[in-house]
């Protein structure tokens, strides 16, 4: 299993999908998994704009991983999970219980100024300089404790330059992931 981290606008989803297509692996996005859920409670929460509980997220994640394994995908790329220290601790326990392994954690590093430029191009109402700055602050506050959980478990964590063309970033990720998956 490969975990992709980075702030909003770093290109995690694009890179995860590119790697999945290239390798024949399964790409799992927490947001996509939740939106695809058939659980009436999850659907209701999403429609009302409420947050889905950790327990519901764990259930949806577990089912998505099992589905990927049932379909015999050789590996899974996870984008957008875990987001908190508690979720990271749950994932570490889940990996032990299910005999899964995190091959590598890739953290895409992109300067805040570039994130601002990328998000402004999306022209979304919520992508104001103030909200982008707030999301960056929250990301930094939450991400280091999450990475700490994986570091304690001796999971390989690689910080990569997320700037440049999508192809350039993909080549960096591919090289590191392939090296980590062979070990």
N, C-alpha and C. Protein backbone atom coordinates (compact mmCIF):
# COMPACT_ATOMS: atom_id res chain seq x y z
N UNK A 1 0.85 -1.17 0.00
CA UNK A 1 0.00 0.00 0.00
C UNK A 1 0.90 1.24 0.00
N UNK A 2 0.50 2.19 -0.81
CA UNK A 2 1.22 3.47 -0.90
C UNK A 2 0.28 4.56 -0.41
N UNK A 3 0.77 5.42 0.47
CA UNK A 3 -0.02 6.55 0.95
C UNK A 3 0.53 7.82 0.33
N UNK A 4 -0.35 8.65 -0.22
CA UNK A 4 0.03 9.93 -0.81
C UNK A 4 -0.47 11.06 0.07
N UNK A 5 0.45 11.92 0.48
CA UNK A 5 0.10 13.09 1.29
C UNK A 5 0.57 14.36 0.61
N UNK A 6 -0.04 15.44 0.99
CA UNK A 6 0.33 16.76 0.49
C UNK A 6 -0.84 17.69 0.72
N UNK A 7 -0.58 18.98 0.71
CA UNK A 7 -1.67 19.93 0.93
C UNK A 7 -2.65 19.96 -0.24
N UNK A 8 -3.80 20.56 -0.01
CA UNK A 8 -4.75 20.79 -1.09
C UNK A 8 -4.03 21.46 -2.24
N UNK A 9 -4.21 20.95 -3.45
CA UNK A 9 -3.58 21.55 -4.61
C UNK A 9 -2.21 21.00 -4.95
N UNK A 10 -1.72 20.03 -4.16
CA UNK A 10 -0.39 19.46 -4.42
C UNK A 10 -0.40 18.49 -5.60
N UNK A 11 -1.57 18.00 -5.98
CA UNK A 11 -1.66 17.08 -7.10
C UNK A 11 -1.74 15.62 -6.71
N UNK A 12 -2.12 15.34 -5.48
CA UNK A 12 -2.17 13.95 -5.00
C UNK A 12 -3.09 13.07 -5.84
N UNK A 13 -4.29 13.56 -6.10
CA UNK A 13 -5.25 12.74 -6.85
C UNK A 13 -4.76 12.45 -8.26
N UNK A 14 -4.28 13.47 -8.93
CA UNK A 14 -3.78 13.27 -10.29
C UNK A 14 -2.63 12.27 -10.29
N UNK A 15 -1.69 12.46 -9.38
CA UNK A 15 -0.53 11.57 -9.33
C UNK A 15 -0.92 10.15 -8.94
N UNK A 16 -1.83 10.03 -7.99
CA UNK A 16 -2.29 8.71 -7.59
C UNK A 16 -2.96 7.97 -8.73
N UNK A 17 -3.80 8.68 -9.47
CA UNK A 17 -4.48 8.07 -10.61
C UNK A 17 -3.49 7.70 -11.72
N UNK A 18 -2.51 8.56 -11.97
CA UNK A 18 -1.50 8.27 -12.99
C UNK A 18 -0.71 7.01 -12.64
N UNK A 19 -0.31 6.90 -11.37
CA UNK A 19 0.46 5.74 -10.93
C UNK A 19 -0.40 4.47 -10.99
N UNK A 20 -1.66 4.60 -10.60
CA UNK A 20 -2.56 3.44 -10.64
C UNK A 20 -2.73 2.92 -12.06
N UNK A 21 -2.92 3.82 -13.01
CA UNK A 21 -3.09 3.42 -14.41
C UNK A 21 -1.79 2.79 -14.93
N UNK A 22 -0.68 3.41 -14.63
CA UNK A 22 0.62 2.93 -15.12
C UNK A 22 0.94 1.52 -14.61
N UNK A 23 0.59 1.25 -13.34
CA UNK A 23 0.97 -0.01 -12.71
C UNK A 23 -0.15 -1.04 -12.63
N UNK A 24 -1.38 -0.65 -12.97
CA UNK A 24 -2.50 -1.57 -12.81
C UNK A 24 -2.89 -1.75 -11.36
N UNK A 25 -2.66 -0.71 -10.57
CA UNK A 25 -2.99 -0.74 -9.15
C UNK A 25 -4.32 -0.05 -8.91
N UNK A 26 -4.85 -0.17 -7.72
CA UNK A 26 -6.12 0.47 -7.35
C UNK A 26 -5.83 1.80 -6.67
N UNK A 27 -6.48 2.86 -7.13
CA UNK A 27 -6.39 4.18 -6.51
C UNK A 27 -7.62 4.36 -5.63
N UNK A 28 -7.39 4.67 -4.36
CA UNK A 28 -8.48 4.91 -3.42
C UNK A 28 -8.38 6.33 -2.87
N UNK A 29 -9.43 7.08 -3.07
CA UNK A 29 -9.53 8.43 -2.51
C UNK A 29 -10.62 8.39 -1.45
N UNK A 30 -10.31 8.87 -0.26
CA UNK A 30 -11.30 8.86 0.82
C UNK A 30 -12.57 9.57 0.38
N UNK A 31 -12.43 10.73 -0.23
CA UNK A 31 -13.59 11.48 -0.68
C UNK A 31 -14.42 10.69 -1.68
N UNK A 32 -13.75 10.07 -2.65
CA UNK A 32 -14.46 9.26 -3.65
C UNK A 32 -15.14 8.06 -2.99
N UNK A 33 -14.44 7.42 -2.05
CA UNK A 33 -15.01 6.27 -1.36
C UNK A 33 -16.28 6.66 -0.61
N UNK A 34 -16.22 7.78 0.09
CA UNK A 34 -17.39 8.22 0.85
C UNK A 34 -18.54 8.59 -0.08
N UNK A 35 -18.24 9.28 -1.17
CA UNK A 35 -19.30 9.66 -2.11
C UNK A 35 -19.92 8.43 -2.79
N UNK A 36 -19.16 7.35 -2.91
CA UNK A 36 -19.67 6.13 -3.53
C UNK A 36 -20.38 5.21 -2.53
N UNK A 37 -20.34 5.57 -1.26
CA UNK A 37 -20.94 4.73 -0.22
C UNK A 37 -22.44 4.59 -0.42
N UNK A 38 -22.96 3.40 -0.10
CA UNK A 38 -24.40 3.16 -0.15
C UNK A 38 -25.02 3.24 1.24
N UNK A 39 -24.20 3.53 2.26
CA UNK A 39 -24.69 3.66 3.63
C UNK A 39 -25.59 4.90 3.71
N UNK A 40 -26.87 4.73 4.06
CA UNK A 40 -27.80 5.87 4.11
C UNK A 40 -27.33 6.99 5.04
N UNK A 41 -26.69 6.62 6.16
CA UNK A 41 -26.22 7.63 7.10
C UNK A 41 -25.08 8.46 6.49
N UNK A 42 -24.16 7.80 5.81
CA UNK A 42 -23.06 8.51 5.15
C UNK A 42 -23.61 9.43 4.06
N UNK A 43 -24.54 8.93 3.27
CA UNK A 43 -25.15 9.73 2.21
C UNK A 43 -25.83 10.97 2.80
N UNK A 44 -26.57 10.78 3.88
CA UNK A 44 -27.27 11.90 4.53
C UNK A 44 -26.28 12.94 5.05
N UNK A 45 -25.20 12.48 5.69
CA UNK A 45 -24.19 13.40 6.23
C UNK A 45 -23.53 14.20 5.10
N UNK A 46 -23.19 13.53 4.02
CA UNK A 46 -22.54 14.22 2.90
C UNK A 46 -23.48 15.25 2.27
N UNK A 47 -24.75 14.88 2.11
CA UNK A 47 -25.72 15.81 1.53
C UNK A 47 -25.91 17.05 2.39
N UNK A 48 -25.83 16.87 3.71
CA UNK A 48 -26.06 18.00 4.62
C UNK A 48 -24.78 18.79 4.88
N UNK A 49 -23.65 18.32 4.34
CA UNK A 49 -22.39 19.02 4.52
C UNK A 49 -21.71 18.73 5.85
N UNK A 50 -22.23 17.75 6.58
CA UNK A 50 -21.64 17.37 7.87
C UNK A 50 -20.44 16.46 7.65
N UNK A 51 -19.60 16.38 8.68
CA UNK A 51 -18.45 15.49 8.62
C UNK A 51 -18.87 14.06 8.90
N UNK A 52 -18.27 13.15 8.18
CA UNK A 52 -18.51 11.73 8.42
C UNK A 52 -17.61 11.32 9.58
N UNK A 53 -18.14 10.51 10.49
CA UNK A 53 -17.36 10.10 11.67
C UNK A 53 -16.17 9.24 11.26
N UNK A 54 -15.18 9.18 12.14
CA UNK A 54 -14.03 8.31 11.89
C UNK A 54 -14.49 6.87 11.71
N UNK A 55 -15.42 6.42 12.56
CA UNK A 55 -15.87 5.03 12.49
C UNK A 55 -16.48 4.72 11.12
N UNK A 56 -17.28 5.65 10.60
CA UNK A 56 -17.87 5.44 9.27
C UNK A 56 -16.78 5.45 8.19
N UNK A 57 -15.81 6.34 8.35
CA UNK A 57 -14.70 6.39 7.39
C UNK A 57 -13.93 5.08 7.41
N UNK A 58 -13.67 4.55 8.61
CA UNK A 58 -12.94 3.28 8.73
C UNK A 58 -13.70 2.15 8.03
N UNK A 59 -15.02 2.14 8.22
CA UNK A 59 -15.83 1.09 7.61
C UNK A 59 -15.76 1.16 6.09
N UNK A 60 -15.90 2.37 5.55
CA UNK A 60 -15.86 2.56 4.10
C UNK A 60 -14.47 2.21 3.57
N UNK A 61 -13.42 2.65 4.27
CA UNK A 61 -12.05 2.35 3.86
C UNK A 61 -11.80 0.84 3.86
N UNK A 62 -12.18 0.18 4.95
CA UNK A 62 -11.97 -1.27 5.07
C UNK A 62 -12.64 -2.01 3.92
N UNK A 63 -13.88 -1.61 3.61
CA UNK A 63 -14.62 -2.26 2.53
C UNK A 63 -13.94 -2.02 1.18
N UNK A 64 -13.46 -0.80 0.95
CA UNK A 64 -12.79 -0.48 -0.32
C UNK A 64 -11.50 -1.28 -0.48
N UNK A 65 -10.74 -1.42 0.60
CA UNK A 65 -9.50 -2.22 0.55
C UNK A 65 -9.85 -3.68 0.27
N UNK A 66 -10.86 -4.20 0.97
CA UNK A 66 -11.26 -5.59 0.74
C UNK A 66 -11.72 -5.81 -0.70
N UNK A 67 -12.50 -4.86 -1.23
CA UNK A 67 -12.95 -4.97 -2.62
C UNK A 67 -11.76 -5.00 -3.58
N UNK A 68 -10.76 -4.14 -3.32
CA UNK A 68 -9.57 -4.11 -4.18
C UNK A 68 -8.82 -5.43 -4.10
N UNK A 69 -8.72 -5.99 -2.91
CA UNK A 69 -8.04 -7.28 -2.75
C UNK A 69 -8.84 -8.40 -3.42
N UNK A 70 -10.18 -8.35 -3.28
CA UNK A 70 -11.02 -9.37 -3.93
C UNK A 70 -10.84 -9.34 -5.44
N UNK A 71 -10.62 -8.15 -5.99
CA UNK A 71 -10.42 -8.00 -7.44
C UNK A 71 -8.96 -8.21 -7.83
N UNK A 72 -8.16 -8.60 -6.84
CA UNK A 72 -6.76 -8.97 -7.03
C UNK A 72 -5.88 -7.86 -7.59
N UNK A 73 -6.15 -6.63 -7.17
CA UNK A 73 -5.22 -5.56 -7.51
C UNK A 73 -3.92 -5.83 -6.76
N UNK A 74 -2.77 -5.74 -7.44
CA UNK A 74 -1.50 -6.06 -6.79
C UNK A 74 -1.09 -5.05 -5.72
N UNK A 75 -1.58 -3.81 -5.82
CA UNK A 75 -1.24 -2.82 -4.81
C UNK A 75 -2.32 -1.74 -4.80
N UNK A 76 -2.30 -0.95 -3.75
CA UNK A 76 -3.31 0.09 -3.54
C UNK A 76 -2.61 1.41 -3.24
N UNK A 77 -3.09 2.47 -3.89
CA UNK A 77 -2.60 3.83 -3.63
C UNK A 77 -3.71 4.56 -2.90
N UNK A 78 -3.41 5.10 -1.73
CA UNK A 78 -4.41 5.77 -0.91
C UNK A 78 -4.13 7.27 -0.89
N UNK A 79 -5.15 8.03 -1.22
CA UNK A 79 -5.07 9.50 -1.29
C UNK A 79 -6.10 10.08 -0.32
N UNK A 80 -5.65 10.88 0.63
CA UNK A 80 -6.58 11.57 1.52
C UNK A 80 -6.90 10.84 2.81
N UNK A 81 -6.13 9.85 3.15
CA UNK A 81 -6.35 9.11 4.39
C UNK A 81 -5.03 8.52 4.82
N UNK A 82 -4.70 8.59 6.07
CA UNK A 82 -5.40 9.22 7.19
C UNK A 82 -5.13 10.72 7.25
N UNK A 83 -6.03 11.44 7.89
CA UNK A 83 -5.87 12.90 8.02
C UNK A 83 -5.56 13.35 9.44
N UNK A 84 -5.74 12.45 10.40
CA UNK A 84 -5.49 12.80 11.80
C UNK A 84 -4.62 11.72 12.44
N UNK A 85 -4.06 12.07 13.59
CA UNK A 85 -3.23 11.13 14.33
C UNK A 85 -4.05 9.89 14.73
N UNK A 86 -5.31 10.12 15.11
CA UNK A 86 -6.18 9.01 15.51
C UNK A 86 -6.44 8.07 14.33
N UNK A 87 -6.67 8.65 13.16
CA UNK A 87 -6.88 7.83 11.97
C UNK A 87 -5.61 7.06 11.61
N UNK A 88 -4.46 7.69 11.78
CA UNK A 88 -3.19 7.03 11.48
C UNK A 88 -2.96 5.85 12.42
N UNK A 89 -3.29 6.03 13.70
CA UNK A 89 -3.15 4.94 14.67
C UNK A 89 -4.10 3.79 14.31
N UNK A 90 -5.33 4.13 13.90
CA UNK A 90 -6.27 3.10 13.48
C UNK A 90 -5.72 2.35 12.27
N UNK A 91 -5.19 3.09 11.29
CA UNK A 91 -4.66 2.46 10.08
C UNK A 91 -3.49 1.53 10.42
N UNK A 92 -2.62 1.96 11.31
CA UNK A 92 -1.49 1.11 11.72
C UNK A 92 -2.01 -0.20 12.32
N UNK A 93 -3.03 -0.13 13.18
CA UNK A 93 -3.63 -1.33 13.76
C UNK A 93 -4.30 -2.19 12.69
N UNK A 94 -5.01 -1.53 11.79
CA UNK A 94 -5.71 -2.23 10.71
C UNK A 94 -4.72 -3.01 9.85
N UNK A 95 -3.59 -2.41 9.56
CA UNK A 95 -2.58 -3.05 8.73
C UNK A 95 -2.08 -4.34 9.39
N UNK A 96 -1.88 -4.30 10.70
CA UNK A 96 -1.43 -5.49 11.42
C UNK A 96 -2.51 -6.56 11.39
N UNK A 97 -3.75 -6.16 11.69
CA UNK A 97 -4.86 -7.13 11.76
C UNK A 97 -5.13 -7.80 10.42
N UNK A 98 -4.92 -7.07 9.33
CA UNK A 98 -5.24 -7.61 8.00
C UNK A 98 -4.01 -8.12 7.26
N UNK A 99 -2.87 -8.11 7.94
CA UNK A 99 -1.62 -8.56 7.33
C UNK A 99 -1.27 -7.76 6.08
N UNK A 100 -1.62 -6.49 6.09
CA UNK A 100 -1.27 -5.57 5.01
C UNK A 100 0.03 -4.86 5.39
N UNK A 101 0.60 -4.16 4.41
CA UNK A 101 1.86 -3.45 4.66
C UNK A 101 1.82 -2.11 3.93
N UNK A 102 2.28 -1.07 4.60
CA UNK A 102 2.46 0.21 3.94
C UNK A 102 3.87 0.19 3.37
N UNK A 103 3.97 0.19 2.04
CA UNK A 103 5.27 0.15 1.38
C UNK A 103 6.02 1.46 1.55
N UNK A 104 5.29 2.56 1.39
CA UNK A 104 5.93 3.88 1.45
C UNK A 104 4.86 4.95 1.62
N UNK A 105 5.26 6.02 2.28
CA UNK A 105 4.44 7.22 2.38
C UNK A 105 5.15 8.29 1.55
N UNK A 106 4.45 8.82 0.56
CA UNK A 106 5.00 9.89 -0.28
C UNK A 106 4.34 11.20 0.14
N UNK A 107 5.16 12.18 0.49
CA UNK A 107 4.66 13.50 0.87
C UNK A 107 5.08 14.48 -0.21
N UNK A 108 4.10 15.03 -0.93
CA UNK A 108 4.40 16.01 -1.97
C UNK A 108 4.57 17.38 -1.34
N UNK A 109 5.75 17.94 -1.52
CA UNK A 109 6.07 19.26 -0.97
C UNK A 109 5.94 20.30 -2.07
N UNK A 110 5.05 21.26 -1.84
CA UNK A 110 4.81 22.33 -2.81
C UNK A 110 4.76 23.64 -2.04
N UNK A 111 5.54 24.65 -2.45
CA UNK A 111 5.52 25.94 -1.75
C UNK A 111 4.12 26.55 -1.74
N UNK A 112 3.82 27.24 -0.66
CA UNK A 112 2.48 27.83 -0.50
C UNK A 112 2.13 28.76 -1.65
N UNK A 113 3.10 29.52 -2.17
CA UNK A 113 2.82 30.44 -3.28
C UNK A 113 2.35 29.67 -4.51
N UNK A 114 2.96 28.52 -4.77
CA UNK A 114 2.53 27.71 -5.92
C UNK A 114 1.17 27.09 -5.67
N UNK A 115 0.91 26.66 -4.45
CA UNK A 115 -0.42 26.13 -4.10
C UNK A 115 -1.47 27.20 -4.39
N UNK A 116 -1.19 28.43 -3.97
CA UNK A 116 -2.12 29.55 -4.22
C UNK A 116 -2.39 29.68 -5.72
N UNK A 117 -1.34 29.67 -6.53
CA UNK A 117 -1.51 29.81 -7.98
C UNK A 117 -2.34 28.66 -8.56
N UNK A 118 -2.03 27.45 -8.14
CA UNK A 118 -2.76 26.29 -8.66
C UNK A 118 -4.25 26.36 -8.31
N UNK A 119 -4.53 26.70 -7.05
CA UNK A 119 -5.92 26.71 -6.60
C UNK A 119 -6.70 27.87 -7.19
N UNK A 120 -6.04 28.99 -7.41
CA UNK A 120 -6.73 30.13 -8.03
C UNK A 120 -7.18 29.78 -9.45
N UNK A 121 -6.43 28.91 -10.13
CA UNK A 121 -6.79 28.50 -11.49
C UNK A 121 -8.04 27.63 -11.51
N UNK A 122 -8.38 27.01 -10.37
CA UNK A 122 -9.57 26.16 -10.32
C UNK A 122 -10.85 26.99 -10.33
N UNK A 123 -10.74 28.24 -9.91
CA UNK A 123 -11.89 29.15 -9.86
C UNK A 123 -13.04 28.61 -9.02
N UNK A 124 -12.70 28.01 -7.89
CA UNK A 124 -13.74 27.56 -6.97
C UNK A 124 -14.00 28.65 -5.95
N UNK A 125 -15.25 28.79 -5.57
CA UNK A 125 -15.65 29.83 -4.63
C UNK A 125 -14.88 29.75 -3.31
N UNK A 126 -14.61 28.52 -2.85
CA UNK A 126 -13.95 28.37 -1.55
C UNK A 126 -12.44 28.58 -1.61
N UNK A 127 -11.87 28.75 -2.79
CA UNK A 127 -10.42 28.90 -2.93
C UNK A 127 -9.99 30.36 -2.88
N UNK A 128 -10.28 31.02 -1.76
CA UNK A 128 -9.81 32.39 -1.56
C UNK A 128 -8.44 32.33 -0.89
N UNK A 129 -7.64 33.38 -1.00
CA UNK A 129 -6.33 33.36 -0.34
C UNK A 129 -6.43 33.05 1.16
N UNK A 130 -7.47 33.56 1.81
CA UNK A 130 -7.63 33.33 3.25
C UNK A 130 -7.92 31.86 3.56
N UNK A 131 -8.85 31.26 2.80
CA UNK A 131 -9.19 29.87 3.08
C UNK A 131 -8.04 28.93 2.69
N UNK A 132 -7.32 29.28 1.64
CA UNK A 132 -6.16 28.46 1.24
C UNK A 132 -5.11 28.50 2.34
N UNK A 133 -4.83 29.69 2.86
CA UNK A 133 -3.84 29.83 3.94
C UNK A 133 -4.29 29.05 5.17
N UNK A 134 -5.58 29.10 5.48
CA UNK A 134 -6.10 28.37 6.64
C UNK A 134 -5.94 26.86 6.44
N UNK A 135 -6.26 26.37 5.24
CA UNK A 135 -6.12 24.94 4.96
C UNK A 135 -4.66 24.50 5.04
N UNK A 136 -3.75 25.36 4.59
CA UNK A 136 -2.32 25.04 4.67
C UNK A 136 -1.88 24.92 6.13
N UNK A 137 -2.35 25.84 6.97
CA UNK A 137 -2.01 25.81 8.39
C UNK A 137 -2.54 24.53 9.04
N UNK A 138 -3.79 24.21 8.77
CA UNK A 138 -4.39 23.00 9.33
C UNK A 138 -3.63 21.76 8.84
N UNK A 139 -3.29 21.74 7.57
CA UNK A 139 -2.54 20.61 7.01
C UNK A 139 -1.22 20.41 7.77
N UNK A 140 -0.47 21.51 7.94
CA UNK A 140 0.82 21.40 8.64
C UNK A 140 0.63 20.93 10.08
N UNK A 141 -0.41 21.43 10.75
CA UNK A 141 -0.65 21.04 12.15
C UNK A 141 -1.01 19.56 12.27
N UNK A 142 -1.79 19.07 11.33
CA UNK A 142 -2.29 17.68 11.41
C UNK A 142 -1.30 16.67 10.84
N UNK A 143 -0.55 17.07 9.81
CA UNK A 143 0.25 16.10 9.08
C UNK A 143 1.44 15.58 9.87
N UNK A 144 2.12 16.43 10.61
CA UNK A 144 3.32 15.96 11.31
C UNK A 144 3.01 14.89 12.35
N UNK A 145 1.94 15.02 13.14
CA UNK A 145 1.59 13.91 14.04
C UNK A 145 1.23 12.62 13.29
N UNK A 146 0.58 12.75 12.13
CA UNK A 146 0.24 11.57 11.32
C UNK A 146 1.53 10.89 10.86
N UNK A 147 2.45 11.66 10.33
CA UNK A 147 3.72 11.09 9.88
C UNK A 147 4.49 10.47 11.04
N UNK A 148 4.35 11.05 12.23
CA UNK A 148 5.01 10.51 13.42
C UNK A 148 4.58 9.08 13.72
N UNK A 149 3.30 8.80 13.55
CA UNK A 149 2.79 7.44 13.78
C UNK A 149 3.49 6.46 12.84
N UNK A 150 3.62 6.83 11.58
CA UNK A 150 4.26 5.93 10.61
C UNK A 150 5.76 5.82 10.86
N UNK A 151 6.38 6.91 11.27
CA UNK A 151 7.81 6.87 11.58
C UNK A 151 8.07 5.92 12.75
N UNK A 152 7.18 5.94 13.75
CA UNK A 152 7.32 5.03 14.90
C UNK A 152 7.26 3.57 14.46
N UNK A 153 6.51 3.29 13.40
CA UNK A 153 6.38 1.93 12.88
C UNK A 153 7.43 1.63 11.80
N UNK A 154 8.41 2.52 11.65
CA UNK A 154 9.50 2.36 10.68
C UNK A 154 9.02 2.26 9.23
N UNK A 155 7.92 2.94 8.92
CA UNK A 155 7.45 3.02 7.54
C UNK A 155 8.32 4.04 6.81
N UNK A 156 8.71 3.71 5.60
CA UNK A 156 9.53 4.63 4.80
C UNK A 156 8.69 5.85 4.42
N UNK A 157 9.19 7.03 4.76
CA UNK A 157 8.52 8.29 4.44
C UNK A 157 9.45 9.09 3.53
N UNK A 158 8.94 9.47 2.36
CA UNK A 158 9.76 10.20 1.39
C UNK A 158 9.08 11.52 1.07
N UNK A 159 9.80 12.60 1.30
CA UNK A 159 9.32 13.94 0.94
C UNK A 159 9.84 14.25 -0.46
N UNK A 160 8.92 14.52 -1.39
CA UNK A 160 9.29 14.78 -2.78
C UNK A 160 8.88 16.17 -3.21
N UNK A 161 9.68 16.74 -4.08
CA UNK A 161 9.37 18.02 -4.70
C UNK A 161 8.15 17.83 -5.59
N UNK A 162 7.06 18.53 -5.27
CA UNK A 162 5.83 18.42 -6.03
C UNK A 162 5.66 19.51 -7.06
N UNK A 163 6.75 20.24 -7.36
CA UNK A 163 6.66 21.31 -8.36
C UNK A 163 7.13 20.78 -9.71
N UNK A 164 6.73 21.48 -10.75
CA UNK A 164 7.09 21.09 -12.12
C UNK A 164 5.86 20.58 -12.83
N UNK A 165 6.07 20.00 -14.00
CA UNK A 165 4.94 19.47 -14.76
C UNK A 165 4.43 18.20 -14.08
N UNK A 166 3.21 17.81 -14.43
CA UNK A 166 2.65 16.57 -13.88
C UNK A 166 3.55 15.39 -14.21
N UNK A 167 4.12 15.38 -15.42
CA UNK A 167 5.01 14.30 -15.83
C UNK A 167 6.30 14.26 -15.02
N UNK A 168 6.87 15.43 -14.75
CA UNK A 168 8.10 15.49 -13.95
C UNK A 168 7.85 14.98 -12.53
N UNK A 169 6.75 15.41 -11.93
CA UNK A 169 6.42 14.98 -10.57
C UNK A 169 6.15 13.47 -10.58
N UNK A 170 5.43 13.01 -11.59
CA UNK A 170 5.12 11.58 -11.69
C UNK A 170 6.40 10.75 -11.78
N UNK A 171 7.36 11.19 -12.57
CA UNK A 171 8.61 10.45 -12.69
C UNK A 171 9.32 10.33 -11.35
N UNK A 172 9.31 11.41 -10.56
CA UNK A 172 9.93 11.37 -9.22
C UNK A 172 9.22 10.35 -8.33
N UNK A 173 7.90 10.43 -8.34
CA UNK A 173 7.11 9.52 -7.51
C UNK A 173 7.34 8.07 -7.94
N UNK A 174 7.27 7.83 -9.23
CA UNK A 174 7.42 6.47 -9.77
C UNK A 174 8.75 5.85 -9.33
N UNK A 175 9.81 6.61 -9.48
CA UNK A 175 11.14 6.10 -9.11
C UNK A 175 11.19 5.70 -7.63
N UNK A 176 10.67 6.56 -6.77
CA UNK A 176 10.71 6.27 -5.33
C UNK A 176 9.79 5.11 -4.95
N UNK A 177 8.60 5.10 -5.52
CA UNK A 177 7.65 4.04 -5.19
C UNK A 177 8.16 2.68 -5.67
N UNK A 178 8.69 2.63 -6.87
CA UNK A 178 9.20 1.36 -7.39
C UNK A 178 10.36 0.85 -6.53
N UNK A 179 11.22 1.77 -6.10
CA UNK A 179 12.32 1.37 -5.22
C UNK A 179 11.81 0.84 -3.89
N UNK A 180 10.81 1.49 -3.33
CA UNK A 180 10.26 1.08 -2.03
C UNK A 180 9.51 -0.25 -2.13
N UNK A 181 8.82 -0.47 -3.23
CA UNK A 181 8.01 -1.69 -3.38
C UNK A 181 8.86 -2.92 -3.67
N UNK A 182 10.10 -2.72 -4.11
CA UNK A 182 10.98 -3.85 -4.39
C UNK A 182 11.70 -4.32 -3.13
N UNK A 183 11.68 -3.50 -2.09
CA UNK A 183 12.39 -3.88 -0.85
C UNK A 183 11.53 -4.69 0.07
